Amino acid sequence: IDRAGSDYILTDLQSTNGTFVNKQKVVSHKLS
């Protein structure tokens, strides 16, 4: 997770089983 100004960006690092936010698989996602 990287701070981008006032936003926070989650990035999956090519993981084997994936990263999910609220049930959806994501590659890059702005968190709320």
Full PDB file with SEQRES, HELIX, SHEET, SSBOND, CRYST1, ORIGX, SCALE, CONECT and MASTER records, all heavy atoms in Angstrom:
SEQRES   1 A   32  ILE ASP ARG ALA GLY SER ASP TYR ILE LEU THR ASP LEU          
SEQRES   2 A   32  GLN SER THR ASN GLY THR PHE VAL ASN LYS GLN LYS VAL          
SEQRES   3 A   32  VAL SER HIS LYS LEU SER                                      
SHEET    1 AA1 3 ASP A   2  ALA A   4  0                                        
SHEET    2 AA1 3 ASP A   7  THR A  11 -1                                        
SHEET    3 AA1 3 SER A  28  LYS A  30 -1                                        
SHEET    1 AA2 2 THR A  19  VAL A  21  0                                        
SHEET    2 AA2 2 GLN A  24  VAL A  26 -1                                        
CRYST1    1.000    1.000    1.000  90.00  90.00  90.00 P 1           1          
ORIGX1      1.000000  0.000000  0.000000        0.00000                         
ORIGX2      0.000000  1.000000  0.000000        0.00000                         
ORIGX3      0.000000  0.000000  1.000000        0.00000                         
SCALE1      1.000000  0.000000  0.000000        0.00000                         
SCALE2      0.000000  1.000000  0.000000        0.00000                         
SCALE3      0.000000  0.000000  1.000000        0.00000                         
ATOM      1  N   ILE A   1       0.864  -1.174   0.000  1.00  0.00           N  
ATOM      2  CA  ILE A   1       0.000   0.000   0.000  1.00  0.00           C  
ATOM      3  C   ILE A   1       0.902   1.227   0.000  1.00  0.00           C  
ATOM      4  O   ILE A   1       1.807   1.347   0.829  1.00  0.00           O  
ATOM      5  CB  ILE A   1      -0.932   0.028   1.224  1.00  0.00           C  
ATOM      6  CG1 ILE A   1      -1.799  -1.236   1.278  1.00  0.00           C  
ATOM      7  CG2 ILE A   1      -1.827   1.265   1.187  1.00  0.00           C  
ATOM      8  CD1 ILE A   1      -2.630  -1.365   2.551  1.00  0.00           C  
ATOM      9  N   ASP A   2       0.666   2.134  -0.940  1.00  0.00           N  
ATOM     10  CA  ASP A   2       1.452   3.360  -1.047  1.00  0.00           C  
ATOM     11  C   ASP A   2       0.573   4.577  -0.825  1.00  0.00           C  
ATOM     12  O   ASP A   2      -0.563   4.624  -1.299  1.00  0.00           O  
ATOM     13  CB  ASP A   2       2.105   3.454  -2.434  1.00  0.00           C  
ATOM     14  CG  ASP A   2       3.191   2.415  -2.631  1.00  0.00           C  
ATOM     15  OD1 ASP A   2       4.287   2.606  -2.076  1.00  0.00           O  
ATOM     16  OD2 ASP A   2       2.947   1.420  -3.334  1.00  0.00           O  
ATOM     17  N   ARG A   3       1.117   5.547  -0.104  1.00  0.00           N  
ATOM     18  CA  ARG A   3       0.445   6.833   0.055  1.00  0.00           C  
ATOM     19  C   ARG A   3       0.684   7.650  -1.206  1.00  0.00           C  
ATOM     20  O   ARG A   3       1.831   7.841  -1.638  1.00  0.00           O  
ATOM     21  CB  ARG A   3       0.995   7.570   1.269  1.00  0.00           C  
ATOM     22  CG  ARG A   3       0.170   8.784   1.687  1.00  0.00           C  
ATOM     23  CD  ARG A   3       0.972   9.734   2.555  1.00  0.00           C  
ATOM     24  NE  ARG A   3       1.676   9.037   3.616  1.00  0.00           N  
ATOM     25  CZ  ARG A   3       1.237   8.871   4.851  1.00  0.00           C  
ATOM     26  NH1 ARG A   3       0.068   9.340   5.182  1.00  0.00           N  
ATOM     27  NH2 ARG A   3       1.969   8.252   5.769  1.00  0.00           N  
ATOM     28  N   ALA A   4      -0.389   8.124  -1.837  1.00  0.00           N  
ATOM     29  CA  ALA A   4      -0.283   8.945  -3.046  1.00  0.00           C  
ATOM     30  C   ALA A   4      -1.053  10.238  -2.798  1.00  0.00           C  
ATOM     31  O   ALA A   4      -2.233  10.335  -3.095  1.00  0.00           O  
ATOM     32  CB  ALA A   4      -0.835   8.208  -4.260  1.00  0.00           C  
ATOM     33  N   GLY A   5      -0.392  11.217  -2.209  1.00  0.00           N  
ATOM     34  CA  GLY A   5      -1.086  12.436  -1.799  1.00  0.00           C  
ATOM     35  C   GLY A   5      -2.024  12.116  -0.650  1.00  0.00           C  
ATOM     36  O   GLY A   5      -1.600  11.610   0.385  1.00  0.00           O  
ATOM     37  N   SER A   6      -3.301  12.369  -0.836  1.00  0.00           N  
ATOM     38  CA  SER A   6      -4.294  12.037   0.193  1.00  0.00           C  
ATOM     39  C   SER A   6      -4.909  10.658  -0.033  1.00  0.00           C  
ATOM     40  O   SER A   6      -5.753  10.216   0.747  1.00  0.00           O  
ATOM     41  CB  SER A   6      -5.411  13.093   0.206  1.00  0.00           C  
ATOM     42  OG  SER A   6      -6.060  13.138  -1.055  1.00  0.00           O  
ATOM     43  N   ASP A   7      -4.483   9.978  -1.087  1.00  0.00           N  
ATOM     44  CA  ASP A   7      -5.013   8.654  -1.415  1.00  0.00           C  
ATOM     45  C   ASP A   7      -4.046   7.551  -0.984  1.00  0.00           C  
ATOM     46  O   ASP A   7      -2.852   7.787  -0.778  1.00  0.00           O  
ATOM     47  CB  ASP A   7      -5.273   8.533  -2.921  1.00  0.00           C  
ATOM     48  CG  ASP A   7      -6.344   9.487  -3.405  1.00  0.00           C  
ATOM     49  OD1 ASP A   7      -7.284   9.751  -2.630  1.00  0.00           O  
ATOM     50  OD2 ASP A   7      -6.240   9.968  -4.544  1.00  0.00           O  
ATOM     51  N   TYR A   8      -4.600   6.341  -0.870  1.00  0.00           N  
ATOM     52  CA  TYR A   8      -3.802   5.171  -0.534  1.00  0.00           C  
ATOM     53  C   TYR A   8      -4.084   4.101  -1.588  1.00  0.00           C  
ATOM     54  O   TYR A   8      -5.235   3.715  -1.796  1.00  0.00           O  
ATOM     55  CB  TYR A   8      -4.154   4.668   0.870  1.00  0.00           C  
ATOM     56  CG  TYR A   8      -3.720   5.632   1.950  1.00  0.00           C  
ATOM     57  CD1 TYR A   8      -4.483   6.758   2.257  1.00  0.00           C  
ATOM     58  CD2 TYR A   8      -2.516   5.451   2.636  1.00  0.00           C  
ATOM     59  CE1 TYR A   8      -4.077   7.667   3.224  1.00  0.00           C  
ATOM     60  CE2 TYR A   8      -2.102   6.347   3.612  1.00  0.00           C  
ATOM     61  CZ  TYR A   8      -2.888   7.454   3.899  1.00  0.00           C  
ATOM     62  OH  TYR A   8      -2.467   8.339   4.857  1.00  0.00           O  
ATOM     63  N   ILE A   9      -3.033   3.643  -2.257  1.00  0.00           N  
ATOM     64  CA  ILE A   9      -3.172   2.729  -3.389  1.00  0.00           C  
ATOM     65  C   ILE A   9      -2.665   1.346  -3.000  1.00  0.00           C  
ATOM     66  O   ILE A   9      -1.499   1.178  -2.627  1.00  0.00           O  
ATOM     67  CB  ILE A   9      -2.388   3.233  -4.614  1.00  0.00           C  
ATOM     68  CG1 ILE A   9      -2.742   4.700  -4.924  1.00  0.00           C  
ATOM     69  CG2 ILE A   9      -2.678   2.340  -5.817  1.00  0.00           C  
ATOM     70  CD1 ILE A   9      -4.185   4.952  -5.254  1.00  0.00           C  
ATOM     71  N   LEU A  10      -3.549   0.355  -3.082  1.00  0.00           N  
ATOM     72  CA  LEU A  10      -3.197  -1.039  -2.836  1.00  0.00           C  
ATOM     73  C   LEU A  10      -2.783  -1.680  -4.152  1.00  0.00           C  
ATOM     74  O   LEU A  10      -3.477  -1.550  -5.164  1.00  0.00           O  
ATOM     75  CB  LEU A  10      -4.399  -1.785  -2.243  1.00  0.00           C  
ATOM     76  CG  LEU A  10      -4.286  -3.316  -2.139  1.00  0.00           C  
ATOM     77  CD1 LEU A  10      -3.268  -3.714  -1.080  1.00  0.00           C  
ATOM     78  CD2 LEU A  10      -5.644  -3.923  -1.831  1.00  0.00           C  
ATOM     79  N   THR A  11      -1.645  -2.383  -4.160  1.00  0.00           N  
ATOM     80  CA  THR A  11      -1.153  -3.053  -5.363  1.00  0.00           C  
ATOM     81  C   THR A  11      -0.807  -4.501  -5.038  1.00  0.00           C  
ATOM     82  O   THR A  11      -0.072  -4.774  -4.084  1.00  0.00           O  
ATOM     83  CB  THR A  11       0.107  -2.352  -5.920  1.00  0.00           C  
ATOM     84  OG1 THR A  11      -0.181  -0.980  -6.153  1.00  0.00           O  
ATOM     85  CG2 THR A  11       0.553  -3.001  -7.229  1.00  0.00           C  
ATOM     86  N   ASP A  12      -1.356  -5.423  -5.813  1.00  0.00           N  
ATOM     87  CA  ASP A  12      -0.993  -6.823  -5.677  1.00  0.00           C  
ATOM     88  C   ASP A  12       0.381  -7.040  -6.306  1.00  0.00           C  
ATOM     89  O   ASP A  12       0.653  -6.560  -7.406  1.00  0.00           O  
ATOM     90  CB  ASP A  12      -2.034  -7.719  -6.362  1.00  0.00           C  
ATOM     91  CG  ASP A  12      -1.681  -9.190  -6.269  1.00  0.00           C  
ATOM     92  OD1 ASP A  12      -1.899  -9.780  -5.193  1.00  0.00           O  
ATOM     93  OD2 ASP A  12      -1.168  -9.747  -7.268  1.00  0.00           O  
ATOM     94  N   LEU A  13       1.270  -7.767  -5.622  1.00  0.00           N  
ATOM     95  CA  LEU A  13       2.636  -7.969  -6.101  1.00  0.00           C  
ATOM     96  C   LEU A  13       2.774  -9.317  -6.804  1.00  0.00           C  
ATOM     97  O   LEU A  13       3.654 -10.117  -6.492  1.00  0.00           O  
ATOM     98  CB  LEU A  13       3.616  -7.858  -4.929  1.00  0.00           C  
ATOM     99  CG  LEU A  13       3.628  -6.507  -4.204  1.00  0.00           C  
ATOM    100  CD1 LEU A  13       4.609  -6.519  -3.045  1.00  0.00           C  
ATOM    101  CD2 LEU A  13       3.924  -5.372  -5.170  1.00  0.00           C  
ATOM    102  N   GLN A  14       1.862  -9.568  -7.745  1.00  0.00           N  
ATOM    103  CA  GLN A  14       1.883 -10.802  -8.533  1.00  0.00           C  
ATOM    104  C   GLN A  14       1.842 -12.028  -7.607  1.00  0.00           C  
ATOM    105  O   GLN A  14       2.550 -13.009  -7.812  1.00  0.00           O  
ATOM    106  CB  GLN A  14       3.114 -10.840  -9.433  1.00  0.00           C  
ATOM    107  CG  GLN A  14       3.187  -9.662 -10.397  1.00  0.00           C  
ATOM    108  CD  GLN A  14       4.469  -9.622 -11.200  1.00  0.00           C  
ATOM    109  OE1 GLN A  14       5.122 -10.639 -11.405  1.00  0.00           O  
ATOM    110  NE2 GLN A  14       4.846  -8.445 -11.660  1.00  0.00           N  
ATOM    111  N   SER A  15       0.977 -11.952  -6.604  1.00  0.00           N  
ATOM    112  CA  SER A  15       0.863 -13.040  -5.622  1.00  0.00           C  
ATOM    113  C   SER A  15       0.237 -14.282  -6.252  1.00  0.00           C  
ATOM    114  O   SER A  15      -0.466 -14.195  -7.260  1.00  0.00           O  
ATOM    115  CB  SER A  15       0.009 -12.586  -4.438  1.00  0.00           C  
ATOM    116  OG  SER A  15      -1.314 -12.271  -4.860  1.00  0.00           O  
ATOM    117  N   THR A  16       0.475 -15.425  -5.644  1.00  0.00           N  
ATOM    118  CA  THR A  16      -0.042 -16.690  -6.166  1.00  0.00           C  
ATOM    119  C   THR A  16      -1.563 -16.769  -6.048  1.00  0.00           C  
ATOM    120  O   THR A  16      -2.252 -17.175  -6.990  1.00  0.00           O  
ATOM    121  CB  THR A  16       0.580 -17.874  -5.412  1.00  0.00           C  
ATOM    122  OG1 THR A  16       2.001 -17.822  -5.568  1.00  0.00           O  
ATOM    123  CG2 THR A  16       0.060 -19.210  -5.956  1.00  0.00           C  
ATOM    124  N   ASN A  17      -2.105 -16.382  -4.906  1.00  0.00           N  
ATOM    125  CA  ASN A  17      -3.540 -16.539  -4.649  1.00  0.00           C  
ATOM    126  C   ASN A  17      -4.342 -15.261  -4.791  1.00  0.00           C  
ATOM    127  O   ASN A  17      -5.547 -15.259  -4.561  1.00  0.00           O  
ATOM    128  CB  ASN A  17      -3.747 -17.129  -3.245  1.00  0.00           C  
ATOM    129  CG  ASN A  17      -3.266 -18.568  -3.169  1.00  0.00           C  
ATOM    130  OD1 ASN A  17      -3.561 -19.360  -4.052  1.00  0.00           O  
ATOM    131  ND2 ASN A  17      -2.495 -18.889  -2.152  1.00  0.00           N  
ATOM    132  N   GLY A  18      -3.697 -14.171  -5.175  1.00  0.00           N  
ATOM    133  CA  GLY A  18      -4.429 -12.942  -5.436  1.00  0.00           C  
ATOM    134  C   GLY A  18      -4.743 -12.119  -4.198  1.00  0.00           C  
ATOM    135  O   GLY A  18      -4.678 -12.600  -3.066  1.00  0.00           O  
ATOM    136  N   THR A  19      -5.085 -10.866  -4.434  1.00  0.00           N  
ATOM    137  CA  THR A  19      -5.488  -9.935  -3.379  1.00  0.00           C  
ATOM    138  C   THR A  19      -6.915  -9.481  -3.679  1.00  0.00           C  
ATOM    139  O   THR A  19      -7.228  -9.143  -4.815  1.00  0.00           O  
ATOM    140  CB  THR A  19      -4.547  -8.722  -3.337  1.00  0.00           C  
ATOM    141  OG1 THR A  19      -3.203  -9.169  -3.099  1.00  0.00           O  
ATOM    142  CG2 THR A  19      -4.946  -7.750  -2.241  1.00  0.00           C  
ATOM    143  N   PHE A  20      -7.760  -9.478  -2.657  1.00  0.00           N  
ATOM    144  CA  PHE A  20      -9.171  -9.160  -2.838  1.00  0.00           C  
ATOM    145  C   PHE A  20      -9.550  -7.963  -1.961  1.00  0.00           C  
ATOM    146  O   PHE A  20      -9.075  -7.839  -0.826  1.00  0.00           O  
ATOM    147  CB  PHE A  20     -10.061 -10.349  -2.471  1.00  0.00           C  
ATOM    148  CG  PHE A  20      -9.872 -11.539  -3.381  1.00  0.00           C  
ATOM    149  CD1 PHE A  20      -8.773 -12.375  -3.229  1.00  0.00           C  
ATOM    150  CD2 PHE A  20     -10.788 -11.817  -4.386  1.00  0.00           C  
ATOM    151  CE1 PHE A  20      -8.584 -13.459  -4.075  1.00  0.00           C  
ATOM    152  CE2 PHE A  20     -10.614 -12.908  -5.225  1.00  0.00           C  
ATOM    153  CZ  PHE A  20      -9.508 -13.723  -5.071  1.00  0.00           C  
ATOM    154  N   VAL A  21     -10.401  -7.097  -2.486  1.00  0.00           N  
ATOM    155  CA  VAL A  21     -10.969  -5.994  -1.703  1.00  0.00           C  
ATOM    156  C   VAL A  21     -12.482  -6.098  -1.811  1.00  0.00           C  
ATOM    157  O   VAL A  21     -13.048  -6.028  -2.903  1.00  0.00           O  
ATOM    158  CB  VAL A  21     -10.501  -4.613  -2.211  1.00  0.00           C  
ATOM    159  CG1 VAL A  21     -11.187  -3.506  -1.425  1.00  0.00           C  
ATOM    160  CG2 VAL A  21      -8.985  -4.479  -2.087  1.00  0.00           C  
ATOM    161  N   ASN A  22     -13.129  -6.316  -0.671  1.00  0.00           N  
ATOM    162  CA  ASN A  22     -14.597  -6.448  -0.638  1.00  0.00           C  
ATOM    163  C   ASN A  22     -15.083  -7.479  -1.658  1.00  0.00           C  
ATOM    164  O   ASN A  22     -16.009  -7.236  -2.420  1.00  0.00           O  
ATOM    165  CB  ASN A  22     -15.262  -5.090  -0.879  1.00  0.00           C  
ATOM    166  CG  ASN A  22     -14.780  -4.043   0.113  1.00  0.00           C  
ATOM    167  OD1 ASN A  22     -14.445  -4.363   1.258  1.00  0.00           O  
ATOM    168  ND2 ASN A  22     -14.723  -2.794  -0.326  1.00  0.00           N  
ATOM    169  N   LYS A  23     -14.394  -8.621  -1.717  1.00  0.00           N  
ATOM    170  CA  LYS A  23     -14.761  -9.795  -2.512  1.00  0.00           C  
ATOM    171  C   LYS A  23     -14.311  -9.731  -3.971  1.00  0.00           C  
ATOM    172  O   LYS A  23     -14.443 -10.715  -4.704  1.00  0.00           O  
ATOM    173  CB  LYS A  23     -16.281 -10.046  -2.456  1.00  0.00           C  
ATOM    174  CG  LYS A  23     -16.662 -11.499  -2.704  1.00  0.00           C  
ATOM    175  CD  LYS A  23     -18.148 -11.709  -2.477  1.00  0.00           C  
ATOM    176  CE  LYS A  23     -18.519 -13.184  -2.675  1.00  0.00           C  
ATOM    177  NZ  LYS A  23     -19.953 -13.419  -2.424  1.00  0.00           N  
ATOM    178  N   GLN A  24     -13.784  -8.612  -4.415  1.00  0.00           N  
ATOM    179  CA  GLN A  24     -13.346  -8.485  -5.795  1.00  0.00           C  
ATOM    180  C   GLN A  24     -11.824  -8.570  -5.879  1.00  0.00           C  
ATOM    181  O   GLN A  24     -11.119  -7.892  -5.139  1.00  0.00           O  
ATOM    182  CB  GLN A  24     -13.821  -7.152  -6.392  1.00  0.00           C  
ATOM    183  CG  GLN A  24     -15.327  -7.033  -6.513  1.00  0.00           C  
ATOM    184  CD  GLN A  24     -15.939  -8.072  -7.440  1.00  0.00           C  
ATOM    185  OE1 GLN A  24     -15.419  -8.330  -8.515  1.00  0.00           O  
ATOM    186  NE2 GLN A  24     -17.046  -8.667  -7.018  1.00  0.00           N  
ATOM    187  N   LYS A  25     -11.346  -9.396  -6.810  1.00  0.00           N  
ATOM    188  CA  LYS A  25      -9.903  -9.498  -7.029  1.00  0.00           C  
ATOM    189  C   LYS A  25      -9.407  -8.182  -7.623  1.00  0.00           C  
ATOM    190  O   LYS A  25     -10.036  -7.612  -8.498  1.00  0.00           O  
ATOM    191  CB  LYS A  25      -9.586 -10.641  -7.978  1.00  0.00           C  
ATOM    192  CG  LYS A  25      -8.113 -10.745  -8.353  1.00  0.00           C  
ATOM    193  CD  LYS A  25      -7.888 -11.876  -9.343  1.00  0.00           C  
ATOM    194  CE  LYS A  25      -6.460 -11.853  -9.868  1.00  0.00           C  
ATOM    195  NZ  LYS A  25      -6.196 -10.720 -10.762  1.00  0.00           N  
ATOM    196  N   VAL A  26      -8.283  -7.683  -7.117  1.00  0.00           N  
ATOM    197  CA  VAL A  26      -7.745  -6.414  -7.604  1.00  0.00           C  
ATOM    198  C   VAL A  26      -6.274  -6.573  -7.959  1.00  0.00           C  
ATOM    199  O   VAL A  26      -5.574  -7.439  -7.417  1.00  0.00           O  
ATOM    200  CB  VAL A  26      -7.898  -5.290  -6.554  1.00  0.00           C  
ATOM    201  CG1 VAL A  26      -9.364  -5.059  -6.202  1.00  0.00           C  
ATOM    202  CG2 VAL A  26      -7.077  -5.576  -5.304  1.00  0.00           C  
ATOM    203  N   VAL A  27      -5.830  -5.743  -8.883  1.00  0.00           N  
ATOM    204  CA  VAL A  27      -4.407  -5.610  -9.177  1.00  0.00           C  
ATOM    205  C   VAL A  27      -3.910  -4.300  -8.570  1.00  0.00           C  
ATOM    206  O   VAL A  27      -2.867  -4.251  -7.935  1.00  0.00           O  
ATOM    207  CB  VAL A  27      -4.149  -5.643 -10.697  1.00  0.00           C  
ATOM    208  CG1 VAL A  27      -2.678  -5.382 -11.004  1.00  0.00           C  
ATOM    209  CG2 VAL A  27      -4.567  -6.996 -11.277  1.00  0.00           C  
ATOM    210  N   SER A  28      -4.697  -3.233  -8.757  1.00  0.00           N  
ATOM    211  CA  SER A  28      -4.417  -1.940  -8.138  1.00  0.00           C  
ATOM    212  C   SER A  28      -5.753  -1.329  -7.745  1.00  0.00           C  
ATOM    213  O   SER A  28      -6.712  -1.381  -8.513  1.00  0.00           O  
ATOM    214  CB  SER A  28      -3.661  -1.036  -9.117  1.00  0.00           C  
ATOM    215  OG  SER A  28      -3.354   0.207  -8.526  1.00  0.00           O  
ATOM    216  N   HIS A  29      -5.822  -0.759  -6.534  1.00  0.00           N  
ATOM    217  CA  HIS A  29      -7.120  -0.292  -6.033  1.00  0.00           C  
ATOM    218  C   HIS A  29      -6.903   0.879  -5.079  1.00  0.00           C  
ATOM    219  O   HIS A  29      -6.048   0.820  -4.191  1.00  0.00           O  
ATOM    220  CB  HIS A  29      -7.824  -1.432  -5.295  1.00  0.00           C  
ATOM    221  CG  HIS A  29      -9.155  -1.068  -4.717  1.00  0.00           C  
ATOM    222  ND1 HIS A  29     -10.323  -1.079  -5.449  1.00  0.00           N  
ATOM    223  CD2 HIS A  29      -9.509  -0.672  -3.457  1.00  0.00           C  
ATOM    224  CE1 HIS A  29     -11.327  -0.721  -4.674  1.00  0.00           C  
ATOM    225  NE2 HIS A  29     -10.862  -0.461  -3.473  1.00  0.00           N  
ATOM    226  N   LYS A  30      -7.677   1.963  -5.260  1.00  0.00           N  
ATOM    227  CA  LYS A  30      -7.637   3.092  -4.329  1.00  0.00           C  
ATOM    228  C   LYS A  30      -8.531   2.758  -3.143  1.00  0.00           C  
ATOM    229  O   LYS A  30      -9.728   2.536  -3.299  1.00  0.00           O  
ATOM    230  CB  LYS A  30      -8.087   4.379  -5.016  1.00  0.00           C  
ATOM    231  CG  LYS A  30      -7.972   5.602  -4.114  1.00  0.00           C  
ATOM    232  CD  LYS A  30      -8.098   6.897  -4.903  1.00  0.00           C  
ATOM    233  CE  LYS A  30      -9.524   7.144  -5.341  1.00  0.00           C  
ATOM    234  NZ  LYS A  30      -9.693   8.487  -5.950  1.00  0.00           N  
ATOM    235  N   LEU A  31      -7.961   2.740  -1.952  1.00  0.00           N  
ATOM    236  CA  LEU A  31      -8.676   2.299  -0.762  1.00  0.00           C  
ATOM    237  C   LEU A  31      -9.569   3.390  -0.180  1.00  0.00           C  
ATOM    238  O   LEU A  31      -9.243   4.576  -0.237  1.00  0.00           O  
ATOM    239  CB  LEU A  31      -7.674   1.840   0.302  1.00  0.00           C  
ATOM    240  CG  LEU A  31      -6.874   0.577  -0.044  1.00  0.00           C  
ATOM    241  CD1 LEU A  31      -5.715   0.404   0.925  1.00  0.00           C  
ATOM    242  CD2 LEU A  31      -7.776  -0.656  -0.024  1.00  0.00           C  
ATOM    243  N   SER A  32     -10.681   2.949   0.401  1.00  0.00           N  
ATOM    244  CA  SER A  32     -11.609   3.837   1.096  1.00  0.00           C  
ATOM    245  C   SER A  32     -11.813   3.307   2.512  1.00  0.00           C  
ATOM    246  O   SER A  32     -11.565   2.130   2.798  1.00  0.00           O  
ATOM    247  CB  SER A  32     -12.958   3.892   0.370  1.00  0.00           C  
ATOM    248  OG  SER A  32     -12.804   4.375  -0.949  1.00  0.00           O  
TER     249      SER A  32                                                      
MASTER        0    0    0    0    5    0    0    6  248    1    0    3          
END                                                                             
